[in-house]
Amino acid sequence: SGQWSGGKAVCVQMTSPSAAGLFHKVITMSNPCTLHTVPRGDGS
């Protein structure tokens, strides 16, 4: 489990082949594993 960037760490560990079998459940707080694009000031 983790909160904010700790939650992001949980997310990326879910996609790491070398983490296979090291955990059996996850809790991610205040950091969803997918993220909508953050815009610039000009909208791009």
ModelCIF file with pLDDT and N, C-alpha, C, O atoms, coordinates in Angstrom:
data_MODEL
#
_entry.id   MODEL 
#
_entity.id                         1 
_entity.type                       polymer 
_entity.pdbx_number_of_molecules   1 
#
_entity_poly.entity_id                      1 
_entity_poly.type                           'polypeptide(L)' 
_entity_poly.nstd_linkage                   no 
_entity_poly.nstd_monomer                   no 
_entity_poly.pdbx_seq_one_letter_code       SGQWSGGKAVCVQMTSPSAAGLFHKVITMSNPCTLHTVPRGDGS 
_entity_poly.pdbx_seq_one_letter_code_can   SGQWSGGKAVCVQMTSPSAAGLFHKVITMSNPCTLHTVPRGDGS 
_entity_poly.pdbx_strand_id                 A 
#
loop_
_entity_poly_seq.entity_id 
_entity_poly_seq.num 
_entity_poly_seq.mon_id 
_entity_poly_seq.hetero 
1 1  SER n 
1 2  GLY n 
1 3  GLN n 
1 4  TRP n 
1 5  SER n 
1 6  GLY n 
1 7  GLY n 
1 8  LYS n 
1 9  ALA n 
1 10 VAL n 
1 11 CYS n 
1 12 VAL n 
1 13 GLN n 
1 14 MET n 
1 15 THR n 
1 16 SER n 
1 17 PRO n 
1 18 SER n 
1 19 ALA n 
1 20 ALA n 
1 21 GLY n 
1 22 LEU n 
1 23 PHE n 
1 24 HIS n 
1 25 LYS n 
1 26 VAL n 
1 27 ILE n 
1 28 THR n 
1 29 MET n 
1 30 SER n 
1 31 ASN n 
1 32 PRO n 
1 33 CYS n 
1 34 THR n 
1 35 LEU n 
1 36 HIS n 
1 37 THR n 
1 38 VAL n 
1 39 PRO n 
1 40 ARG n 
1 41 GLY n 
1 42 ASP n 
1 43 GLY n 
1 44 SER n 
#
_struct_asym.id          A 
_struct_asym.entity_id   1 
#
loop_
_ma_qa_metric.id 
_ma_qa_metric.mode 
_ma_qa_metric.name 
_ma_qa_metric.software_group_id 
_ma_qa_metric.type 
1 global pLDDT . pLDDT 
2 local  pLDDT . pLDDT 
#
_ma_qa_metric_global.metric_id      1 
_ma_qa_metric_global.metric_value   83.66 
_ma_qa_metric_global.model_id       1 
_ma_qa_metric_global.ordinal_id     1 
#
loop_
_ma_qa_metric_local.label_asym_id 
_ma_qa_metric_local.label_comp_id 
_ma_qa_metric_local.label_seq_id 
_ma_qa_metric_local.metric_id 
_ma_qa_metric_local.metric_value 
_ma_qa_metric_local.model_id 
_ma_qa_metric_local.ordinal_id 
A SER 1  2 98.00 1 1  
A GLY 2  2 97.00 1 2  
A GLN 3  2 96.00 1 3  
A TRP 4  2 92.00 1 4  
A SER 5  2 94.00 1 5  
A GLY 6  2 96.00 1 6  
A GLY 7  2 96.00 1 7  
A LYS 8  2 95.00 1 8  
A ALA 9  2 97.00 1 9  
A VAL 10 2 98.00 1 10 
A CYS 11 2 97.00 1 11 
A VAL 12 2 97.00 1 12 
A GLN 13 2 98.00 1 13 
A MET 14 2 98.00 1 14 
A THR 15 2 97.00 1 15 
A SER 16 2 98.00 1 16 
A PRO 17 2 97.00 1 17 
A SER 18 2 97.00 1 18 
A ALA 19 2 98.00 1 19 
A ALA 20 2 98.00 1 20 
A GLY 21 2 98.00 1 21 
A LEU 22 2 98.00 1 22 
A PHE 23 2 98.00 1 23 
A HIS 24 2 98.00 1 24 
A LYS 25 2 98.00 1 25 
A VAL 26 2 98.00 1 26 
A ILE 27 2 98.00 1 27 
A THR 28 2 97.00 1 28 
A MET 29 2 97.00 1 29 
A SER 30 2 93.00 1 30 
A ASN 31 2 89.00 1 31 
A PRO 32 2 88.00 1 32 
A CYS 33 2 89.00 1 33 
A THR 34 2 79.00 1 34 
A LEU 35 2 62.00 1 35 
A HIS 36 2 45.00 1 36 
A THR 37 2 44.00 1 37 
A VAL 38 2 45.00 1 38 
A PRO 39 2 42.00 1 39 
A ARG 40 2 38.00 1 40 
A GLY 41 2 40.00 1 41 
A ASP 42 2 38.00 1 42 
A GLY 43 2 38.00 1 43 
A SER 44 2 37.00 1 44 
#
loop_
_atom_site.group_PDB 
_atom_site.id 
_atom_site.type_symbol 
_atom_site.label_atom_id 
_atom_site.label_alt_id 
_atom_site.label_comp_id 
_atom_site.label_asym_id 
_atom_site.label_entity_id 
_atom_site.label_seq_id 
_atom_site.pdbx_PDB_ins_code 
_atom_site.Cartn_x 
_atom_site.Cartn_y 
_atom_site.Cartn_z 
_atom_site.occupancy 
_atom_site.B_iso_or_equiv 
_atom_site.pdbx_formal_charge 
_atom_site.auth_seq_id 
_atom_site.auth_comp_id 
_atom_site.auth_asym_id 
_atom_site.auth_atom_id 
_atom_site.pdbx_PDB_model_num 
ATOM 1   N N  . SER A 1 1  ? 0.850  -1.191  0.000   1.00 98.00 ? 1  SER A N  1 
ATOM 2   C CA . SER A 1 1  ? 0.000  0.000   0.000   1.00 98.00 ? 1  SER A CA 1 
ATOM 3   C C  . SER A 1 1  ? 0.881  1.235   0.000   1.00 98.00 ? 1  SER A C  1 
ATOM 4   O O  . SER A 1 1  ? 2.074  1.160   0.295   1.00 98.00 ? 1  SER A O  1 
ATOM 5   N N  . GLY A 1 2  ? 0.284  2.372   -0.334  1.00 97.00 ? 2  GLY A N  1 
ATOM 6   C CA . GLY A 1 2  ? 1.023  3.624   -0.322  1.00 97.00 ? 2  GLY A CA 1 
ATOM 7   C C  . GLY A 1 2  ? 0.096  4.782   -0.608  1.00 97.00 ? 2  GLY A C  1 
ATOM 8   O O  . GLY A 1 2  ? -1.001 4.606   -1.138  1.00 97.00 ? 2  GLY A O  1 
ATOM 9   N N  . GLN A 1 3  ? 0.558  5.982   -0.248  1.00 96.00 ? 3  GLN A N  1 
ATOM 10  C CA . GLN A 1 3  ? -0.227 7.186   -0.462  1.00 96.00 ? 3  GLN A CA 1 
ATOM 11  C C  . GLN A 1 3  ? 0.573  8.175   -1.293  1.00 96.00 ? 3  GLN A C  1 
ATOM 12  O O  . GLN A 1 3  ? 1.783  8.321   -1.114  1.00 96.00 ? 3  GLN A O  1 
ATOM 13  N N  . TRP A 1 4  ? -0.122 8.858   -2.211  1.00 92.00 ? 4  TRP A N  1 
ATOM 14  C CA . TRP A 1 4  ? 0.453  9.805   -3.181  1.00 92.00 ? 4  TRP A CA 1 
ATOM 15  C C  . TRP A 1 4  ? 1.542  9.109   -3.981  1.00 92.00 ? 4  TRP A C  1 
ATOM 16  O O  . TRP A 1 4  ? 1.221  8.150   -4.683  1.00 92.00 ? 4  TRP A O  1 
ATOM 17  N N  . SER A 1 5  ? 2.819  9.523   -3.930  1.00 94.00 ? 5  SER A N  1 
ATOM 18  C CA . SER A 1 5  ? 3.806  8.813   -4.742  1.00 94.00 ? 5  SER A CA 1 
ATOM 19  C C  . SER A 1 5  ? 4.019  7.391   -4.238  1.00 94.00 ? 5  SER A C  1 
ATOM 20  O O  . SER A 1 5  ? 4.407  6.519   -5.015  1.00 94.00 ? 5  SER A O  1 
ATOM 21  N N  . GLY A 1 6  ? 3.775  7.136   -2.947  1.00 96.00 ? 6  GLY A N  1 
ATOM 22  C CA . GLY A 1 6  ? 3.796  5.756   -2.469  1.00 96.00 ? 6  GLY A CA 1 
ATOM 23  C C  . GLY A 1 6  ? 2.728  4.931   -3.144  1.00 96.00 ? 6  GLY A C  1 
ATOM 24  O O  . GLY A 1 6  ? 2.940  3.754   -3.435  1.00 96.00 ? 6  GLY A O  1 
ATOM 25  N N  . GLY A 1 7  ? 1.566  5.542   -3.399  1.00 96.00 ? 7  GLY A N  1 
ATOM 26  C CA . GLY A 1 7  ? 0.520  4.865   -4.168  1.00 96.00 ? 7  GLY A CA 1 
ATOM 27  C C  . GLY A 1 7  ? 0.922  4.650   -5.608  1.00 96.00 ? 7  GLY A C  1 
ATOM 28  O O  . GLY A 1 7  ? 0.591  3.624   -6.201  1.00 96.00 ? 7  GLY A O  1 
ATOM 29  N N  . LYS A 1 8  ? 1.643  5.623   -6.184  1.00 95.00 ? 8  LYS A N  1 
ATOM 30  C CA . LYS A 1 8  ? 2.147  5.439   -7.547  1.00 95.00 ? 8  LYS A CA 1 
ATOM 31  C C  . LYS A 1 8  ? 3.156  4.299   -7.596  1.00 95.00 ? 8  LYS A C  1 
ATOM 32  O O  . LYS A 1 8  ? 3.194  3.540   -8.564  1.00 95.00 ? 8  LYS A O  1 
ATOM 33  N N  . ALA A 1 9  ? 3.976  4.179   -6.549  1.00 97.00 ? 9  ALA A N  1 
ATOM 34  C CA . ALA A 1 9  ? 4.925  3.062   -6.493  1.00 97.00 ? 9  ALA A CA 1 
ATOM 35  C C  . ALA A 1 9  ? 4.180  1.731   -6.497  1.00 97.00 ? 9  ALA A C  1 
ATOM 36  O O  . ALA A 1 9  ? 4.597  0.784   -7.164  1.00 97.00 ? 9  ALA A O  1 
ATOM 37  N N  . VAL A 1 10 ? 3.089  1.661   -5.760  1.00 98.00 ? 10 VAL A N  1 
ATOM 38  C CA . VAL A 1 10 ? 2.275  0.442   -5.761  1.00 98.00 ? 10 VAL A CA 1 
ATOM 39  C C  . VAL A 1 10 ? 1.795  0.135   -7.175  1.00 98.00 ? 10 VAL A C  1 
ATOM 40  O O  . VAL A 1 10 ? 1.839  -1.009  -7.626  1.00 98.00 ? 10 VAL A O  1 
ATOM 41  N N  . CYS A 1 11 ? 1.339  1.168   -7.861  1.00 97.00 ? 11 CYS A N  1 
ATOM 42  C CA . CYS A 1 11 ? 0.839  0.976   -9.225  1.00 97.00 ? 11 CYS A CA 1 
ATOM 43  C C  . CYS A 1 11 ? 1.923  0.423   -10.144 1.00 97.00 ? 11 CYS A C  1 
ATOM 44  O O  . CYS A 1 11 ? 1.696  -0.556  -10.854 1.00 97.00 ? 11 CYS A O  1 
ATOM 45  N N  . VAL A 1 12 ? 3.095  1.044   -10.133 1.00 97.00 ? 12 VAL A N  1 
ATOM 46  C CA . VAL A 1 12 ? 4.120  0.602   -11.073 1.00 97.00 ? 12 VAL A CA 1 
ATOM 47  C C  . VAL A 1 12 ? 4.657  -0.773  -10.692 1.00 97.00 ? 12 VAL A C  1 
ATOM 48  O O  . VAL A 1 12 ? 5.068  -1.534  -11.568 1.00 97.00 ? 12 VAL A O  1 
ATOM 49  N N  . GLN A 1 13 ? 4.662  -1.104  -9.405  1.00 98.00 ? 13 GLN A N  1 
ATOM 50  C CA . GLN A 1 13 ? 5.079  -2.459  -9.027  1.00 98.00 ? 13 GLN A CA 1 
ATOM 51  C C  . GLN A 1 13 ? 4.124  -3.498  -9.596  1.00 98.00 ? 13 GLN A C  1 
ATOM 52  O O  . GLN A 1 13 ? 4.527  -4.633  -9.851  1.00 98.00 ? 13 GLN A O  1 
ATOM 53  N N  . MET A 1 14 ? 2.882  -3.131  -9.796  1.00 98.00 ? 14 MET A N  1 
ATOM 54  C CA . MET A 1 14 ? 1.923  -4.059  -10.406 1.00 98.00 ? 14 MET A CA 1 
ATOM 55  C C  . MET A 1 14 ? 2.295  -4.410  -11.835 1.00 98.00 ? 14 MET A C  1 
ATOM 56  O O  . MET A 1 14 ? 1.842  -5.426  -12.362 1.00 98.00 ? 14 MET A O  1 
ATOM 57  N N  . THR A 1 15 ? 3.117  -3.580  -12.469 1.00 97.00 ? 15 THR A N  1 
ATOM 58  C CA . THR A 1 15 ? 3.491  -3.820  -13.868 1.00 97.00 ? 15 THR A CA 1 
ATOM 59  C C  . THR A 1 15 ? 4.933  -4.301  -14.013 1.00 97.00 ? 15 THR A C  1 
ATOM 60  O O  . THR A 1 15 ? 5.408  -4.486  -15.133 1.00 97.00 ? 15 THR A O  1 
ATOM 61  N N  . SER A 1 16 ? 5.629  -4.505  -12.907 1.00 98.00 ? 16 SER A N  1 
ATOM 62  C CA . SER A 1 16 ? 7.033  -4.904  -12.959 1.00 98.00 ? 16 SER A CA 1 
ATOM 63  C C  . SER A 1 16 ? 7.171  -6.422  -12.953 1.00 98.00 ? 16 SER A C  1 
ATOM 64  O O  . SER A 1 16 ? 6.745  -7.060  -11.991 1.00 98.00 ? 16 SER A O  1 
ATOM 65  N N  . PRO A 1 17 ? 7.747  -7.022  -13.986 1.00 97.00 ? 17 PRO A N  1 
ATOM 66  C CA . PRO A 1 17 ? 7.914  -8.478  -13.991 1.00 97.00 ? 17 PRO A CA 1 
ATOM 67  C C  . PRO A 1 17 ? 8.710  -8.993  -12.794 1.00 97.00 ? 17 PRO A C  1 
ATOM 68  O O  . PRO A 1 17 ? 8.432  -10.085 -12.299 1.00 97.00 ? 17 PRO A O  1 
ATOM 69  N N  . SER A 1 18 ? 9.692  -8.228  -12.323 1.00 97.00 ? 18 SER A N  1 
ATOM 70  C CA . SER A 1 18 ? 10.527 -8.707  -11.219 1.00 97.00 ? 18 SER A CA 1 
ATOM 71  C C  . SER A 1 18 ? 9.815  -8.642  -9.872  1.00 97.00 ? 18 SER A C  1 
ATOM 72  O O  . SER A 1 18 ? 10.352 -9.116  -8.871  1.00 97.00 ? 18 SER A O  1 
ATOM 73  N N  . ALA A 1 19 ? 8.608  -8.060  -9.828  1.00 98.00 ? 19 ALA A N  1 
ATOM 74  C CA . ALA A 1 19 ? 7.821  -8.033  -8.591  1.00 98.00 ? 19 ALA A CA 1 
ATOM 75  C C  . ALA A 1 19 ? 6.847  -9.204  -8.515  1.00 98.00 ? 19 ALA A C  1 
ATOM 76  O O  . ALA A 1 19 ? 6.116  -9.325  -7.533  1.00 98.00 ? 19 ALA A O  1 
ATOM 77  N N  . ALA A 1 20 ? 6.821  -10.064 -9.523  1.00 98.00 ? 20 ALA A N  1 
ATOM 78  C CA . ALA A 1 20 ? 5.862  -11.176 -9.556  1.00 98.00 ? 20 ALA A CA 1 
ATOM 79  C C  . ALA A 1 20 ? 6.002  -12.047 -8.311  1.00 98.00 ? 20 ALA A C  1 
ATOM 80  O O  . ALA A 1 20 ? 7.103  -12.465 -7.955  1.00 98.00 ? 20 ALA A O  1 
ATOM 81  N N  . GLY A 1 21 ? 4.883  -12.314 -7.659  1.00 98.00 ? 21 GLY A N  1 
ATOM 82  C CA . GLY A 1 21 ? 4.856  -13.188 -6.508  1.00 98.00 ? 21 GLY A CA 1 
ATOM 83  C C  . GLY A 1 21 ? 5.248  -12.547 -5.199  1.00 98.00 ? 21 GLY A C  1 
ATOM 84  O O  . GLY A 1 21 ? 5.197  -13.207 -4.161  1.00 98.00 ? 21 GLY A O  1 
ATOM 85  N N  . LEU A 1 22 ? 5.640  -11.277 -5.208  1.00 98.00 ? 22 LEU A N  1 
ATOM 86  C CA . LEU A 1 22 ? 6.079  -10.621 -3.984  1.00 98.00 ? 22 LEU A CA 1 
ATOM 87  C C  . LEU A 1 22 ? 4.938  -10.008 -3.186  1.00 98.00 ? 22 LEU A C  1 
ATOM 88  O O  . LEU A 1 22 ? 5.138  -9.637  -2.030  1.00 98.00 ? 22 LEU A O  1 
ATOM 89  N N  . PHE A 1 23 ? 3.751  -9.889  -3.765  1.00 98.00 ? 23 PHE A N  1 
ATOM 90  C CA . PHE A 1 23 ? 2.591  -9.352  -3.054  1.00 98.00 ? 23 PHE A CA 1 
ATOM 91  C C  . PHE A 1 23 ? 1.331  -9.985  -3.621  1.00 98.00 ? 23 PHE A C  1 
ATOM 92  O O  . PHE A 1 23 ? 1.337  -10.555 -4.712  1.00 98.00 ? 23 PHE A O  1 
ATOM 93  N N  . HIS A 1 24 ? 0.247  -9.873  -2.855  1.00 98.00 ? 24 HIS A N  1 
ATOM 94  C CA . HIS A 1 24 ? -0.979 -10.596 -3.189  1.00 98.00 ? 24 HIS A CA 1 
ATOM 95  C C  . HIS A 1 24 ? -2.218 -9.705  -3.226  1.00 98.00 ? 24 HIS A C  1 
ATOM 96  O O  . HIS A 1 24 ? -3.288 -10.150 -3.642  1.00 98.00 ? 24 HIS A O  1 
ATOM 97  N N  . LYS A 1 25 ? -2.081 -8.443  -2.792  1.00 98.00 ? 25 LYS A N  1 
ATOM 98  C CA . LYS A 1 25 ? -3.150 -7.450  -2.849  1.00 98.00 ? 25 LYS A CA 1 
ATOM 99  C C  . LYS A 1 25 ? -2.492 -6.083  -2.866  1.00 98.00 ? 25 LYS A C  1 
ATOM 100 O O  . LYS A 1 25 ? -1.328 -5.945  -2.488  1.00 98.00 ? 25 LYS A O  1 
ATOM 101 N N  . VAL A 1 26 ? -3.242 -5.055  -3.309  1.00 98.00 ? 26 VAL A N  1 
ATOM 102 C CA . VAL A 1 26 ? -2.679 -3.707  -3.327  1.00 98.00 ? 26 VAL A CA 1 
ATOM 103 C C  . VAL A 1 26 ? -3.707 -2.696  -2.854  1.00 98.00 ? 26 VAL A C  1 
ATOM 104 O O  . VAL A 1 26 ? -4.909 -2.856  -3.067  1.00 98.00 ? 26 VAL A O  1 
ATOM 105 N N  . ILE A 1 27 ? -3.205 -1.645  -2.201  1.00 98.00 ? 27 ILE A N  1 
ATOM 106 C CA . ILE A 1 27 ? -4.009 -0.486  -1.809  1.00 98.00 ? 27 ILE A CA 1 
ATOM 107 C C  . ILE A 1 27 ? -3.270 0.754   -2.282  1.00 98.00 ? 27 ILE A C  1 
ATOM 108 O O  . ILE A 1 27 ? -2.132 0.991   -1.876  1.00 98.00 ? 27 ILE A O  1 
ATOM 109 N N  . THR A 1 28 ? -3.899 1.541   -3.130  1.00 97.00 ? 28 THR A N  1 
ATOM 110 C CA . THR A 1 28 ? -3.284 2.784   -3.590  1.00 97.00 ? 28 THR A CA 1 
ATOM 111 C C  . THR A 1 28 ? -4.173 3.952   -3.183  1.00 97.00 ? 28 THR A C  1 
ATOM 112 O O  . THR A 1 28 ? -5.348 4.004   -3.547  1.00 97.00 ? 28 THR A O  1 
ATOM 113 N N  . MET A 1 29 ? -3.607 4.884   -2.429  1.00 97.00 ? 29 MET A N  1 
ATOM 114 C CA . MET A 1 29 ? -4.335 6.003   -1.850  1.00 97.00 ? 29 MET A CA 1 
ATOM 115 C C  . MET A 1 29 ? -3.905 7.301   -2.518  1.00 97.00 ? 29 MET A C  1 
ATOM 116 O O  . MET A 1 29 ? -2.716 7.616   -2.582  1.00 97.00 ? 29 MET A O  1 
ATOM 117 N N  . SER A 1 30 ? -4.890 8.052   -3.016  1.00 93.00 ? 30 SER A N  1 
ATOM 118 C CA . SER A 1 30 ? -4.654 9.373   -3.598  1.00 93.00 ? 30 SER A CA 1 
ATOM 119 C C  . SER A 1 30 ? -3.697 9.346   -4.775  1.00 93.00 ? 30 SER A C  1 
ATOM 120 O O  . SER A 1 30 ? -2.974 10.314  -5.012  1.00 93.00 ? 30 SER A O  1 
ATOM 121 N N  . ASN A 1 31 ? -3.687 8.255   -5.509  1.00 89.00 ? 31 ASN A N  1 
ATOM 122 C CA . ASN A 1 31 ? -2.886 8.224   -6.726  1.00 89.00 ? 31 ASN A CA 1 
ATOM 123 C C  . ASN A 1 31 ? -3.385 7.100   -7.621  1.00 89.00 ? 31 ASN A C  1 
ATOM 124 O O  . ASN A 1 31 ? -2.893 5.975   -7.535  1.00 89.00 ? 31 ASN A O  1 
ATOM 125 N N  . PRO A 1 32 ? -4.355 7.393   -8.476  1.00 88.00 ? 32 PRO A N  1 
ATOM 126 C CA . PRO A 1 32 ? -4.860 6.350   -9.369  1.00 88.00 ? 32 PRO A CA 1 
ATOM 127 C C  . PRO A 1 32 ? -3.775 5.868   -10.314 1.00 88.00 ? 32 PRO A C  1 
ATOM 128 O O  . PRO A 1 32 ? -2.880 6.625   -10.691 1.00 88.00 ? 32 PRO A O  1 
ATOM 129 N N  . CYS A 1 33 ? -3.864 4.614   -10.687 1.00 89.00 ? 33 CYS A N  1 
ATOM 130 C CA . CYS A 1 33 ? -2.810 4.013   -11.507 1.00 89.00 ? 33 CYS A CA 1 
ATOM 131 C C  . CYS A 1 33 ? -2.847 4.464   -12.957 1.00 89.00 ? 33 CYS A C  1 
ATOM 132 O O  . CYS A 1 33 ? -1.825 4.408   -13.641 1.00 89.00 ? 33 CYS A O  1 
ATOM 133 N N  . THR A 1 34 ? -3.982 4.902   -13.435 1.00 79.00 ? 34 THR A N  1 
ATOM 134 C CA . THR A 1 34 ? -4.047 5.515   -14.759 1.00 79.00 ? 34 THR A CA 1 
ATOM 135 C C  . THR A 1 34 ? -4.298 6.997   -14.552 1.00 79.00 ? 34 THR A C  1 
ATOM 136 O O  . THR A 1 34 ? -4.910 7.388   -13.558 1.00 79.00 ? 34 THR A O  1 
ATOM 137 N N  . LEU A 1 35 ? -3.839 7.819   -15.467 1.00 62.00 ? 35 LEU A N  1 
ATOM 138 C CA . LEU A 1 35 ? -3.887 9.258   -15.248 1.00 62.00 ? 35 LEU A CA 1 
ATOM 139 C C  . LEU A 1 35 ? -4.220 9.961   -16.548 1.00 62.00 ? 35 LEU A C  1 
ATOM 140 O O  . LEU A 1 35 ? -3.625 9.692   -17.592 1.00 62.00 ? 35 LEU A O  1 
ATOM 141 N N  . HIS A 1 36 ? -5.192 10.878  -16.464 1.00 45.00 ? 36 HIS A N  1 
ATOM 142 C CA . HIS A 1 36 ? -5.505 11.686  -17.636 1.00 45.00 ? 36 HIS A CA 1 
ATOM 143 C C  . HIS A 1 36 ? -4.344 12.647  -17.896 1.00 45.00 ? 36 HIS A C  1 
ATOM 144 O O  . HIS A 1 36 ? -3.658 13.061  -16.962 1.00 45.00 ? 36 HIS A O  1 
ATOM 145 N N  . THR A 1 37 ? -4.126 12.999  -19.162 1.00 44.00 ? 37 THR A N  1 
ATOM 146 C CA . THR A 1 37 ? -3.015 13.867  -19.535 1.00 44.00 ? 37 THR A CA 1 
ATOM 147 C C  . THR A 1 37 ? -3.098 15.214  -18.822 1.00 44.00 ? 37 THR A C  1 
ATOM 148 O O  . THR A 1 37 ? -4.163 15.829  -18.764 1.00 44.00 ? 37 THR A O  1 
ATOM 149 N N  . VAL A 1 38 ? -1.987 15.660  -18.289 1.00 45.00 ? 38 VAL A N  1 
ATOM 150 C CA . VAL A 1 38 ? -1.903 16.979  -17.664 1.00 45.00 ? 38 VAL A CA 1 
ATOM 151 C C  . VAL A 1 38 ? -1.626 18.013  -18.747 1.00 45.00 ? 38 VAL A C  1 
ATOM 152 O O  . VAL A 1 38 ? -0.639 17.874  -19.470 1.00 45.00 ? 38 VAL A O  1 
ATOM 153 N N  . PRO A 1 39 ? -2.469 19.059  -18.893 1.00 42.00 ? 39 PRO A N  1 
ATOM 154 C CA . PRO A 1 39 ? -2.276 20.001  -19.995 1.00 42.00 ? 39 PRO A CA 1 
ATOM 155 C C  . PRO A 1 39 ? -1.263 21.087  -19.689 1.00 42.00 ? 39 PRO A C  1 
ATOM 156 O O  . PRO A 1 39 ? -0.984 21.390  -18.528 1.00 42.00 ? 39 PRO A O  1 
ATOM 157 N N  . ARG A 1 40 ? -0.720 21.667  -20.744 1.00 38.00 ? 40 ARG A N  1 
ATOM 158 C CA . ARG A 1 40 ? 0.077  22.885  -20.622 1.00 38.00 ? 40 ARG A CA 1 
ATOM 159 C C  . ARG A 1 40 ? -0.875 24.083  -20.562 1.00 38.00 ? 40 ARG A C  1 
ATOM 160 O O  . ARG A 1 40 ? -2.095 23.933  -20.630 1.00 38.00 ? 40 ARG A O  1 
ATOM 161 N N  . GLY A 1 41 ? -0.293 25.258  -20.434 1.00 40.00 ? 41 GLY A N  1 
ATOM 162 C CA . GLY A 1 41 ? -1.105 26.459  -20.420 1.00 40.00 ? 41 GLY A CA 1 
ATOM 163 C C  . GLY A 1 41 ? -1.814 26.727  -21.736 1.00 40.00 ? 41 GLY A C  1 
ATOM 164 O O  . GLY A 1 41 ? -2.870 27.359  -21.751 1.00 40.00 ? 41 GLY A O  1 
ATOM 165 N N  . ASP A 1 42 ? -1.243 26.249  -22.852 1.00 38.00 ? 42 ASP A N  1 
ATOM 166 C CA . ASP A 1 42 ? -1.887 26.506  -24.133 1.00 38.00 ? 42 ASP A CA 1 
ATOM 167 C C  . ASP A 1 42 ? -2.868 25.400  -24.504 1.00 38.00 ? 42 ASP A C  1 
ATOM 168 O O  . ASP A 1 42 ? -3.420 25.389  -25.604 1.00 38.00 ? 42 ASP A O  1 
ATOM 169 N N  . GLY A 1 43 ? -3.077 24.469  -23.573 1.00 38.00 ? 43 GLY A N  1 
ATOM 170 C CA . GLY A 1 43 ? -4.038 23.399  -23.830 1.00 38.00 ? 43 GLY A CA 1 
ATOM 171 C C  . GLY A 1 43 ? -3.428 22.146  -24.410 1.00 38.00 ? 43 GLY A C  1 
ATOM 172 O O  . GLY A 1 43 ? -4.100 21.116  -24.460 1.00 38.00 ? 43 GLY A O  1 
ATOM 173 N N  . SER A 1 44 ? -2.165 22.188  -24.856 1.00 37.00 ? 44 SER A N  1 
ATOM 174 C CA . SER A 1 44 ? -1.545 20.989  -25.411 1.00 37.00 ? 44 SER A CA 1 
ATOM 175 C C  . SER A 1 44 ? -0.990 20.122  -24.289 1.00 37.00 ? 44 SER A C  1 
ATOM 176 O O  . SER A 1 44 ? -0.425 19.060  -24.551 1.00 37.00 ? 44 SER A O  1 
#
